[in-house]
Amino acid sequence: MPAPDRDGDLRMLRPLFPGVRHLRPDVSARRVLDLTPLHSWPGLQVQVLGLTRQHLIGAEELGNRLNASPG
């Protein structure tokens, strides 16, 4: 699933997909992604494709629930 447009926001995902437990956004077309809206989503595992942790805002707070790989 592509990440929301640059004007978009990850907050929109939880109301649309409340039962999701695994999120795999492909953000290779972006330079930075704000993961802060995902912090309070219980049990959500996030695998970000296309960016390293250095380009993710709020990555540290997700701890072991986040896997980020370049390319």
C-alpha atoms as a PDB file:
ATOM      1  CA  MET A   1       0.000   0.000   0.000  1.00  0.00           C
ATOM      2  CA  PRO A   2       1.473   3.400  -0.876  1.00  0.00           C
ATOM      3  CA  ALA A   3       1.813   5.920   1.949  1.00  0.00           C
ATOM      4  CA  PRO A   4      -0.681   8.787   1.989  1.00  0.00           C
ATOM      5  CA  ASP A   5       0.086  11.758  -0.255  1.00  0.00           C
ATOM      6  CA  ARG A   6       2.412  14.365   1.182  1.00  0.00           C
ATOM      7  CA  ASP A   7      -0.656  16.320   2.244  1.00  0.00           C
ATOM      8  CA  GLY A   8      -2.132  13.139   3.711  1.00  0.00           C
ATOM      9  CA  ASP A   9      -1.823  11.867   7.231  1.00  0.00           C
ATOM     10  CA  LEU A  10      -1.523   8.388   8.725  1.00  0.00           C
ATOM     11  CA  ARG A  11      -4.288   9.315  11.199  1.00  0.00           C
ATOM     12  CA  MET A  12      -6.811   8.539   8.467  1.00  0.00           C
ATOM     13  CA  LEU A  13      -5.882   4.835   8.429  1.00  0.00           C
ATOM     14  CA  ARG A  14      -7.128   3.719  11.848  1.00  0.00           C
ATOM     15  CA  PRO A  15     -10.783   4.782  11.368  1.00  0.00           C
ATOM     16  CA  LEU A  16     -10.784   3.188   7.904  1.00  0.00           C
ATOM     17  CA  PHE A  17      -9.068  -0.071   8.931  1.00  0.00           C
ATOM     18  CA  PRO A  18      -9.571  -0.493  12.710  1.00  0.00           C
ATOM     19  CA  GLY A  19      -8.807  -4.232  12.721  1.00  0.00           C
ATOM     20  CA  VAL A  20      -5.459  -3.990  10.954  1.00  0.00           C
ATOM     21  CA  ARG A  21      -2.553  -5.491  12.888  1.00  0.00           C
ATOM     22  CA  HIS A  22       0.170  -5.268  10.218  1.00  0.00           C
ATOM     23  CA  LEU A  23       0.876  -2.174   8.128  1.00  0.00           C
ATOM     24  CA  ARG A  24       3.404  -2.220   5.271  1.00  0.00           C
ATOM     25  CA  PRO A  25       3.534   1.206   3.615  1.00  0.00           C
ATOM     26  CA  ASP A  26       5.829   1.673   0.626  1.00  0.00           C
ATOM     27  CA  VAL A  27       7.228   5.170   1.052  1.00  0.00           C
ATOM     28  CA  SER A  28      10.049   5.034  -1.482  1.00  0.00           C
ATOM     29  CA  ALA A  29       8.646   8.141  -3.222  1.00  0.00           C
ATOM     30  CA  ARG A  30       8.941  10.156   0.025  1.00  0.00           C
ATOM     31  CA  ARG A  31      11.854  11.620   1.958  1.00  0.00           C
ATOM     32  CA  VAL A  32      10.292  11.585   5.439  1.00  0.00           C
ATOM     33  CA  LEU A  33       7.293   9.891   7.058  1.00  0.00           C
ATOM     34  CA  ASP A  34       5.653  10.857  10.352  1.00  0.00           C
ATOM     35  CA  LEU A  35       4.734   7.711  12.289  1.00  0.00           C
ATOM     36  CA  THR A  36       3.487   9.619  15.337  1.00  0.00           C
ATOM     37  CA  PRO A  37      -0.216   8.915  14.618  1.00  0.00           C
ATOM     38  CA  LEU A  38       0.516   5.177  14.886  1.00  0.00           C
ATOM     39  CA  HIS A  39       1.907   5.307  18.439  1.00  0.00           C
ATOM     40  CA  SER A  40      -1.473   4.771  20.109  1.00  0.00           C
ATOM     41  CA  TRP A  41      -2.646   1.982  17.752  1.00  0.00           C
ATOM     42  CA  PRO A  42      -2.436  -1.078  20.039  1.00  0.00           C
ATOM     43  CA  GLY A  43      -0.755  -4.160  18.640  1.00  0.00           C
ATOM     44  CA  LEU A  44       0.048  -2.600  15.258  1.00  0.00           C
ATOM     45  CA  GLN A  45       3.228  -3.920  13.626  1.00  0.00           C
ATOM     46  CA  VAL A  46       4.715  -1.579  11.003  1.00  0.00           C
ATOM     47  CA  GLN A  47       7.126  -2.537   8.232  1.00  0.00           C
ATOM     48  CA  VAL A  48       8.162   0.572   6.294  1.00  0.00           C
ATOM     49  CA  LEU A  49       9.585  -0.064   2.836  1.00  0.00           C
ATOM     50  CA  GLY A  50      11.786   2.528   1.173  1.00  0.00           C
ATOM     51  CA  LEU A  51      13.084   4.580   4.129  1.00  0.00           C
ATOM     52  CA  THR A  52      15.554   4.042   6.934  1.00  0.00           C
ATOM     53  CA  ARG A  53      14.738   4.855  10.565  1.00  0.00           C
ATOM     54  CA  GLN A  54      16.678   8.099  10.167  1.00  0.00           C
ATOM     55  CA  HIS A  55      13.939   9.399   7.849  1.00  0.00           C
ATOM     56  CA  LEU A  56      11.026   8.404  10.047  1.00  0.00           C
ATOM     57  CA  ILE A  57       9.540  10.768  12.600  1.00  0.00           C
ATOM     58  CA  GLY A  58       8.361   8.943  15.712  1.00  0.00           C
ATOM     59  CA  ALA A  59      10.185   5.707  14.875  1.00  0.00           C
ATOM     60  CA  GLU A  60      11.807   5.283  18.270  1.00  0.00           C
ATOM     61  CA  GLU A  61       8.474   5.322  20.103  1.00  0.00           C
ATOM     62  CA  LEU A  62       7.247   2.320  18.085  1.00  0.00           C
ATOM     63  CA  GLY A  63      10.218   0.305  19.352  1.00  0.00           C
ATOM     64  CA  ASN A  64      10.147  -3.339  18.275  1.00  0.00           C
ATOM     65  CA  ARG A  65       6.782  -2.819  16.532  1.00  0.00           C
ATOM     66  CA  LEU A  66       8.704  -1.155  13.665  1.00  0.00           C
ATOM     67  CA  ASN A  67      10.845  -2.636  10.941  1.00  0.00           C
ATOM     68  CA  ALA A  68      12.254  -0.133   8.415  1.00  0.00           C
ATOM     69  CA  SER A  69      14.326  -1.059   5.408  1.00  0.00           C
ATOM     70  CA  PRO A  70      15.718   1.109   2.609  1.00  0.00           C
ATOM     71  CA  GLY A  71      14.845   0.555  -1.022  1.00  0.00           C
END
